[in-house]
């Protein structure tokens, strides 16, 4: 699997840890880690929330 460097950079730009982002999204830290490491992707509704929290377009984060 290919790492999602865009998601990692966006999270770090907001000065959030994986755990902090997970808390905001009401999911587990391992879930965020799996997204970043390319093992899984969030559901569409969660992807929109991630996009909103990080201030990055959803297609840029997950669909490139």
C-alpha atoms as a PDB file:
ATOM      1  CA  UNK A   1       0.000   0.000   0.000  1.00  0.00           C
ATOM      2  CA  UNK A   2       1.055   3.568  -0.664  1.00  0.00           C
ATOM      3  CA  UNK A   3       1.237   6.101   2.155  1.00  0.00           C
ATOM      4  CA  UNK A   4      -1.107   9.061   1.983  1.00  0.00           C
ATOM      5  CA  UNK A   5       1.480  11.831   2.326  1.00  0.00           C
ATOM      6  CA  UNK A   6      -1.109  14.512   1.587  1.00  0.00           C
ATOM      7  CA  UNK A   7      -3.190  13.456   4.584  1.00  0.00           C
ATOM      8  CA  UNK A   8      -0.112  13.268   6.807  1.00  0.00           C
ATOM      9  CA  UNK A   9       1.069  16.747   5.751  1.00  0.00           C
ATOM     10  CA  UNK A  10      -2.410  18.255   6.183  1.00  0.00           C
ATOM     11  CA  UNK A  11      -2.757  16.784   9.677  1.00  0.00           C
ATOM     12  CA  UNK A  12       0.684  18.021  10.701  1.00  0.00           C
ATOM     13  CA  UNK A  13      -0.003  21.469   9.199  1.00  0.00           C
ATOM     14  CA  UNK A  14      -2.932  21.743  11.634  1.00  0.00           C
ATOM     15  CA  UNK A  15      -0.531  20.654  14.410  1.00  0.00           C
ATOM     16  CA  UNK A  16      -2.633  17.595  15.212  1.00  0.00           C
ATOM     17  CA  UNK A  17      -1.451  14.178  16.304  1.00  0.00           C
ATOM     18  CA  UNK A  18      -3.156  11.084  14.952  1.00  0.00           C
ATOM     19  CA  UNK A  19      -4.811  10.690  18.348  1.00  0.00           C
ATOM     20  CA  UNK A  20      -6.103  14.274  18.372  1.00  0.00           C
ATOM     21  CA  UNK A  21      -7.553  13.902  14.878  1.00  0.00           C
ATOM     22  CA  UNK A  22      -9.115  10.585  15.879  1.00  0.00           C
ATOM     23  CA  UNK A  23     -10.735  12.229  18.910  1.00  0.00           C
ATOM     24  CA  UNK A  24     -12.206  14.989  16.745  1.00  0.00           C
ATOM     25  CA  UNK A  25     -13.571  12.390  14.313  1.00  0.00           C
ATOM     26  CA  UNK A  26     -14.724  10.072  17.110  1.00  0.00           C
ATOM     27  CA  UNK A  27     -12.691   7.129  15.824  1.00  0.00           C
ATOM     28  CA  UNK A  28      -9.589   5.236  16.925  1.00  0.00           C
ATOM     29  CA  UNK A  29      -6.006   6.399  16.440  1.00  0.00           C
ATOM     30  CA  UNK A  30      -5.296   3.168  14.561  1.00  0.00           C
ATOM     31  CA  UNK A  31      -8.015   4.105  12.074  1.00  0.00           C
ATOM     32  CA  UNK A  32      -6.240   7.382  11.269  1.00  0.00           C
ATOM     33  CA  UNK A  33      -2.940   5.499  11.066  1.00  0.00           C
ATOM     34  CA  UNK A  34      -4.472   3.011   8.612  1.00  0.00           C
ATOM     35  CA  UNK A  35      -5.666   5.863   6.375  1.00  0.00           C
ATOM     36  CA  UNK A  36      -2.227   7.485   6.451  1.00  0.00           C
ATOM     37  CA  UNK A  37      -0.438   4.216   5.721  1.00  0.00           C
ATOM     38  CA  UNK A  38      -2.755   3.318   2.861  1.00  0.00           C
ATOM     39  CA  UNK A  39      -4.307   0.259   4.475  1.00  0.00           C
ATOM     40  CA  UNK A  40      -7.824   1.682   4.291  1.00  0.00           C
ATOM     41  CA  UNK A  41      -9.837   4.765   3.383  1.00  0.00           C
ATOM     42  CA  UNK A  42     -12.625   6.395   5.370  1.00  0.00           C
ATOM     43  CA  UNK A  43     -16.242   6.178   4.356  1.00  0.00           C
ATOM     44  CA  UNK A  44     -17.402   9.085   2.232  1.00  0.00           C
ATOM     45  CA  UNK A  45     -19.146  10.878   5.093  1.00  0.00           C
ATOM     46  CA  UNK A  46     -16.058  10.554   7.321  1.00  0.00           C
ATOM     47  CA  UNK A  47     -13.805  11.652   4.455  1.00  0.00           C
ATOM     48  CA  UNK A  48     -15.864  14.850   4.166  1.00  0.00           C
ATOM     49  CA  UNK A  49     -15.433  15.437   7.907  1.00  0.00           C
ATOM     50  CA  UNK A  50     -11.651  14.899   7.658  1.00  0.00           C
ATOM     51  CA  UNK A  51     -11.570  17.327   4.748  1.00  0.00           C
ATOM     52  CA  UNK A  52     -13.518  19.890   6.760  1.00  0.00           C
ATOM     53  CA  UNK A  53     -11.341  19.528   9.869  1.00  0.00           C
ATOM     54  CA  UNK A  54      -8.069  19.764   7.929  1.00  0.00           C
ATOM     55  CA  UNK A  55      -9.245  22.427   5.476  1.00  0.00           C
ATOM     56  CA  UNK A  56      -8.200  20.419   2.419  1.00  0.00           C
ATOM     57  CA  UNK A  57     -10.361  19.367  -0.528  1.00  0.00           C
ATOM     58  CA  UNK A  58     -11.657  15.803  -0.156  1.00  0.00           C
ATOM     59  CA  UNK A  59     -10.446  14.734  -3.591  1.00  0.00           C
ATOM     60  CA  UNK A  60      -6.947  15.985  -2.786  1.00  0.00           C
ATOM     61  CA  UNK A  61      -6.880  13.999   0.445  1.00  0.00           C
ATOM     62  CA  UNK A  62      -8.276  10.654  -0.640  1.00  0.00           C
ATOM     63  CA  UNK A  63      -9.003  10.321  -4.325  1.00  0.00           C
ATOM     64  CA  UNK A  64      -5.772  10.986  -6.206  1.00  0.00           C
END
